[in-house]
Amino acid sequence: MADEIKYEFKTVRPVRGTDGWVISKMQKEGWELVRQAQARCAPQSTSVGRRSRSRGS
């Protein structure tokens, strides 16, 4: 299975109001947005991205 794609994952917690900026910056760096969740009791979000490991490693 040498052709299996391996991914690295990155979780970020941007400062309130900067979600869009952080996501666009990560996409320019080759990251793909996998999941975005809003916190229930605090006004904060968490974004999870992934990209292929062959890129830069």
PDB file of N, CA and C in Angstrom:
ATOM      1  N   MET A   1       0.812  -1.189   0.000  1.00  0.00           N
ATOM      2  CA  MET A   1       0.000   0.000   0.000  1.00  0.00           C
ATOM      3  C   MET A   1       0.862   1.263   0.000  1.00  0.00           C
ATOM      4  N   ALA A   2       1.806   1.312  -0.883  1.00  0.00           N
ATOM      5  CA  ALA A   2       2.698   2.463  -0.964  1.00  0.00           C
ATOM      6  C   ALA A   2       1.984   3.709  -1.486  1.00  0.00           C
ATOM      7  N   ASP A   3       0.885   3.525  -2.195  1.00  0.00           N
ATOM      8  CA  ASP A   3       0.182   4.683  -2.747  1.00  0.00           C
ATOM      9  C   ASP A   3      -0.879   5.241  -1.795  1.00  0.00           C
ATOM     10  N   GLU A   4      -0.897   4.752  -0.550  1.00  0.00           N
ATOM     11  CA  GLU A   4      -1.842   5.254   0.445  1.00  0.00           C
ATOM     12  C   GLU A   4      -1.440   6.678   0.853  1.00  0.00           C
ATOM     13  N   ILE A   5      -2.409   7.587   0.866  1.00  0.00           N
ATOM     14  CA  ILE A   5      -2.134   8.982   1.214  1.00  0.00           C
ATOM     15  C   ILE A   5      -2.164   9.130   2.728  1.00  0.00           C
ATOM     16  N   LYS A   6      -1.114   9.722   3.271  1.00  0.00           N
ATOM     17  CA  LYS A   6      -1.062   9.985   4.701  1.00  0.00           C
ATOM     18  C   LYS A   6      -1.209  11.479   4.913  1.00  0.00           C
ATOM     19  N   TYR A   7      -1.969  11.846   5.920  1.00  0.00           N
ATOM     20  CA  TYR A   7      -2.243  13.243   6.189  1.00  0.00           C
ATOM     21  C   TYR A   7      -1.670  13.656   7.532  1.00  0.00           C
ATOM     22  N   GLU A   8      -1.337  14.923   7.631  1.00  0.00           N
ATOM     23  CA  GLU A   8      -1.034  15.499   8.932  1.00  0.00           C
ATOM     24  C   GLU A   8      -2.200  16.411   9.273  1.00  0.00           C
ATOM     25  N   PHE A   9      -2.523  16.489  10.550  1.00  0.00           N
ATOM     26  CA  PHE A   9      -3.673  17.267  10.986  1.00  0.00           C
ATOM     27  C   PHE A   9      -3.215  18.416  11.876  1.00  0.00           C
ATOM     28  N   LYS A  10      -3.969  19.486  11.863  1.00  0.00           N
ATOM     29  CA  LYS A  10      -3.647  20.667  12.653  1.00  0.00           C
ATOM     30  C   LYS A  10      -4.951  21.231  13.208  1.00  0.00           C
ATOM     31  N   THR A  11      -4.974  21.479  14.507  1.00  0.00           N
ATOM     32  CA  THR A  11      -6.139  22.076  15.156  1.00  0.00           C
ATOM     33  C   THR A  11      -5.771  23.483  15.596  1.00  0.00           C
ATOM     34  N   VAL A  12      -6.608  24.435  15.258  1.00  0.00           N
ATOM     35  CA  VAL A  12      -6.361  25.830  15.641  1.00  0.00           C
ATOM     36  C   VAL A  12      -7.582  26.383  16.358  1.00  0.00           C
ATOM     37  N   ARG A  13      -7.336  27.303  17.276  1.00  0.00           N
ATOM     38  CA  ARG A  13      -8.403  27.995  17.993  1.00  0.00           C
ATOM     39  C   ARG A  13      -8.183  29.491  17.800  1.00  0.00           C
ATOM     40  N   PRO A  14      -8.723  30.043  16.739  1.00  0.00           N
ATOM     41  CA  PRO A  14      -8.500  31.456  16.431  1.00  0.00           C
ATOM     42  C   PRO A  14      -9.163  32.388  17.438  1.00  0.00           C
ATOM     43  N   VAL A  15      -8.620  33.571  17.558  1.00  0.00           N
ATOM     44  CA  VAL A  15      -9.207  34.616  18.387  1.00  0.00           C
ATOM     45  C   VAL A  15     -10.553  34.997  17.781  1.00  0.00           C
ATOM     46  N   ARG A  16     -11.489  35.338  18.600  1.00  0.00           N
ATOM     47  CA  ARG A  16     -12.848  35.646  18.135  1.00  0.00           C
ATOM     48  C   ARG A  16     -12.824  36.694  17.027  1.00  0.00           C
ATOM     49  N   GLY A  17     -13.521  36.396  15.941  1.00  0.00           N
ATOM     50  CA  GLY A  17     -13.622  37.319  14.820  1.00  0.00           C
ATOM     51  C   GLY A  17     -12.580  37.119  13.735  1.00  0.00           C
ATOM     52  N   THR A  18     -11.615  36.236  13.953  1.00  0.00           N
ATOM     53  CA  THR A  18     -10.564  36.035  12.945  1.00  0.00           C
ATOM     54  C   THR A  18     -10.680  34.683  12.248  1.00  0.00           C
ATOM     55  N   ASP A  19     -11.804  33.997  12.401  1.00  0.00           N
ATOM     56  CA  ASP A  19     -11.966  32.664  11.813  1.00  0.00           C
ATOM     57  C   ASP A  19     -11.704  32.655  10.309  1.00  0.00           C
ATOM     58  N   GLY A  20     -12.331  33.558   9.587  1.00  0.00           N
ATOM     59  CA  GLY A  20     -12.177  33.615   8.133  1.00  0.00           C
ATOM     60  C   GLY A  20     -10.751  33.860   7.703  1.00  0.00           C
ATOM     61  N   TRP A  21     -10.065  34.745   8.401  1.00  0.00           N
ATOM     62  CA  TRP A  21      -8.670  35.062   8.082  1.00  0.00           C
ATOM     63  C   TRP A  21      -7.780  33.839   8.306  1.00  0.00           C
ATOM     64  N   VAL A  22      -7.985  33.147   9.430  1.00  0.00           N
ATOM     65  CA  VAL A  22      -7.169  31.965   9.749  1.00  0.00           C
ATOM     66  C   VAL A  22      -7.413  30.859   8.729  1.00  0.00           C
ATOM     67  N   ILE A  23      -8.673  30.631   8.361  1.00  0.00           N
ATOM     68  CA  ILE A  23      -8.988  29.577   7.397  1.00  0.00           C
ATOM     69  C   ILE A  23      -8.374  29.884   6.035  1.00  0.00           C
ATOM     70  N   SER A  24      -8.475  31.125   5.569  1.00  0.00           N
ATOM     71  CA  SER A  24      -7.904  31.457   4.250  1.00  0.00           C
ATOM     72  C   SER A  24      -6.383  31.358   4.278  1.00  0.00           C
ATOM     73  N   LYS A  25      -5.754  31.725   5.383  1.00  0.00           N
ATOM     74  CA  LYS A  25      -4.295  31.609   5.500  1.00  0.00           C
ATOM     75  C   LYS A  25      -3.870  30.141   5.451  1.00  0.00           C
ATOM     76  N   MET A  26      -4.603  29.277   6.162  1.00  0.00           N
ATOM     77  CA  MET A  26      -4.270  27.853   6.147  1.00  0.00           C
ATOM     78  C   MET A  26      -4.462  27.256   4.753  1.00  0.00           C
ATOM     79  N   GLN A  27      -5.526  27.660   4.049  1.00  0.00           N
ATOM     80  CA  GLN A  27      -5.762  27.137   2.706  1.00  0.00           C
ATOM     81  C   GLN A  27      -4.650  27.562   1.753  1.00  0.00           C
ATOM     82  N   LYS A  28      -4.127  28.765   1.891  1.00  0.00           N
ATOM     83  CA  LYS A  28      -3.007  29.206   1.054  1.00  0.00           C
ATOM     84  C   LYS A  28      -1.760  28.391   1.329  1.00  0.00           C
ATOM     85  N   GLU A  29      -1.634  27.867   2.557  1.00  0.00           N
ATOM     86  CA  GLU A  29      -0.479  27.045   2.929  1.00  0.00           C
ATOM     87  C   GLU A  29      -0.673  25.575   2.567  1.00  0.00           C
ATOM     88  N   GLY A  30      -1.805  25.249   1.917  1.00  0.00           N
ATOM     89  CA  GLY A  30      -2.031  23.879   1.459  1.00  0.00           C
ATOM     90  C   GLY A  30      -2.925  23.048   2.358  1.00  0.00           C
ATOM     91  N   TRP A  31      -3.501  23.639   3.394  1.00  0.00           N
ATOM     92  CA  TRP A  31      -4.379  22.911   4.299  1.00  0.00           C
ATOM     93  C   TRP A  31      -5.798  22.877   3.737  1.00  0.00           C
ATOM     94  N   GLU A  32      -6.508  21.794   4.040  1.00  0.00           N
ATOM     95  CA  GLU A  32      -7.903  21.623   3.654  1.00  0.00           C
ATOM     96  C   GLU A  32      -8.731  21.618   4.939  1.00  0.00           C
ATOM     97  N   LEU A  33      -9.778  22.432   5.007  1.00  0.00           N
ATOM     98  CA  LEU A  33     -10.620  22.491   6.204  1.00  0.00           C
ATOM     99  C   LEU A  33     -11.429  21.209   6.303  1.00  0.00           C
ATOM    100  N   VAL A  34     -11.291  20.508   7.422  1.00  0.00           N
ATOM    101  CA  VAL A  34     -11.998  19.249   7.630  1.00  0.00           C
ATOM    102  C   VAL A  34     -13.224  19.457   8.503  1.00  0.00           C
ATOM    103  N   ARG A  35     -13.072  20.238   9.568  1.00  0.00           N
ATOM    104  CA  ARG A  35     -14.177  20.412  10.501  1.00  0.00           C
ATOM    105  C   ARG A  35     -14.032  21.751  11.210  1.00  0.00           C
ATOM    106  N   GLN A  36     -15.151  22.374  11.488  1.00  0.00           N
ATOM    107  CA  GLN A  36     -15.161  23.615  12.243  1.00  0.00           C
ATOM    108  C   GLN A  36     -16.286  23.510  13.263  1.00  0.00           C
ATOM    109  N   ALA A  37     -15.980  23.773  14.532  1.00  0.00           N
ATOM    110  CA  ALA A  37     -16.976  23.645  15.593  1.00  0.00           C
ATOM    111  C   ALA A  37     -16.999  24.899  16.447  1.00  0.00           C
ATOM    112  N   GLN A  38     -18.179  25.266  16.886  1.00  0.00           N
ATOM    113  CA  GLN A  38     -18.343  26.401  17.793  1.00  0.00           C
ATOM    114  C   GLN A  38     -18.441  25.858  19.217  1.00  0.00           C
ATOM    115  N   ALA A  39     -17.786  26.537  20.161  1.00  0.00           N
ATOM    116  CA  ALA A  39     -17.880  26.156  21.567  1.00  0.00           C
ATOM    117  C   ALA A  39     -19.277  26.504  22.082  1.00  0.00           C
ATOM    118  N   ARG A  40     -19.783  25.718  22.992  1.00  0.00           N
ATOM    119  CA  ARG A  40     -21.140  25.947  23.497  1.00  0.00           C
ATOM    120  C   ARG A  40     -21.198  27.061  24.536  1.00  0.00           C
ATOM    121  N   CYS A  41     -20.258  27.095  25.457  1.00  0.00           N
ATOM    122  CA  CYS A  41     -20.362  28.061  26.552  1.00  0.00           C
ATOM    123  C   CYS A  41     -19.410  29.250  26.399  1.00  0.00           C
ATOM    124  N   ALA A  42     -18.524  29.212  25.451  1.00  0.00           N
ATOM    125  CA  ALA A  42     -17.598  30.322  25.242  1.00  0.00           C
ATOM    126  C   ALA A  42     -17.647  30.748  23.779  1.00  0.00           C
ATOM    127  N   PRO A  43     -17.505  32.036  23.505  1.00  0.00           N
ATOM    128  CA  PRO A  43     -17.554  32.504  22.105  1.00  0.00           C
ATOM    129  C   PRO A  43     -16.235  32.211  21.380  1.00  0.00           C
ATOM    130  N   GLN A  44     -15.941  30.954  21.169  1.00  0.00           N
ATOM    131  CA  GLN A  44     -14.687  30.559  20.549  1.00  0.00           C
ATOM    132  C   GLN A  44     -14.940  29.382  19.620  1.00  0.00           C
ATOM    133  N   SER A  45     -14.212  29.298  18.542  1.00  0.00           N
ATOM    134  CA  SER A  45     -14.383  28.186  17.612  1.00  0.00           C
ATOM    135  C   SER A  45     -13.093  27.399  17.506  1.00  0.00           C
ATOM    136  N   THR A  46     -13.211  26.188  16.987  1.00  0.00           N
ATOM    137  CA  THR A  46     -12.058  25.333  16.747  1.00  0.00           C
ATOM    138  C   THR A  46     -12.138  24.857  15.305  1.00  0.00           C
ATOM    139  N   SER A  47     -11.033  24.962  14.579  1.00  0.00           N
ATOM    140  CA  SER A  47     -10.979  24.505  13.191  1.00  0.00           C
ATOM    141  C   SER A  47      -9.936  23.409  13.076  1.00  0.00           C
ATOM    142  N   VAL A  48     -10.244  22.383  12.319  1.00  0.00           N
ATOM    143  CA  VAL A  48      -9.317  21.280  12.100  1.00  0.00           C
ATOM    144  C   VAL A  48      -9.026  21.213  10.611  1.00  0.00           C
ATOM    145  N   GLY A  49      -7.743  21.172  10.257  1.00  0.00           N
ATOM    146  CA  GLY A  49      -7.342  21.080   8.864  1.00  0.00           C
ATOM    147  C   GLY A  49      -6.431  19.890   8.629  1.00  0.00           C
ATOM    148  N   ARG A  50      -6.297  19.503   7.373  1.00  0.00           N
ATOM    149  CA  ARG A  50      -5.386  18.408   7.034  1.00  0.00           C
ATOM    150  C   ARG A  50      -4.691  18.738   5.715  1.00  0.00           C
ATOM    151  N   ARG A  51      -3.541  18.139   5.525  1.00  0.00           N
ATOM    152  CA  ARG A  51      -2.838  18.211   4.248  1.00  0.00           C
ATOM    153  C   ARG A  51      -1.980  16.978   4.090  1.00  0.00           C
ATOM    154  N   SER A  52      -1.603  16.699   2.887  1.00  0.00           N
ATOM    155  CA  SER A  52      -0.800  15.530   2.565  1.00  0.00           C
ATOM    156  C   SER A  52       0.562  15.640   3.222  1.00  0.00           C
ATOM    157  N   ARG A  53       1.078  14.544   3.770  1.00  0.00           N
ATOM    158  CA  ARG A  53       2.381  14.570   4.443  1.00  0.00           C
ATOM    159  C   ARG A  53       3.542  14.750   3.493  1.00  0.00           C
ATOM    160  N   SER A  54       3.388  14.382   2.254  1.00  0.00           N
ATOM    161  CA  SER A  54       4.489  14.470   1.294  1.00  0.00           C
ATOM    162  C   SER A  54       4.910  15.904   1.034  1.00  0.00           C
ATOM    163  N   ARG A  55       4.078  16.851   1.423  1.00  0.00           N
ATOM    164  CA  ARG A  55       4.320  18.269   1.176  1.00  0.00           C
ATOM    165  C   ARG A  55       5.219  18.861   2.250  1.00  0.00           C
ATOM    166  N   GLY A  56       6.448  19.037   2.105  1.00  0.00           N
ATOM    167  CA  GLY A  56       7.296  19.676   3.103  1.00  0.00           C
ATOM    168  C   GLY A  56       7.916  18.740   4.112  1.00  0.00           C
ATOM    169  N   SER A  57       7.531  17.454   4.161  1.00  0.00           N
ATOM    170  CA  SER A  57       8.136  16.512   5.106  1.00  0.00           C
ATOM    171  C   SER A  57       9.111  15.621   4.411  1.00  0.00           C
TER     172      SER A  57
END
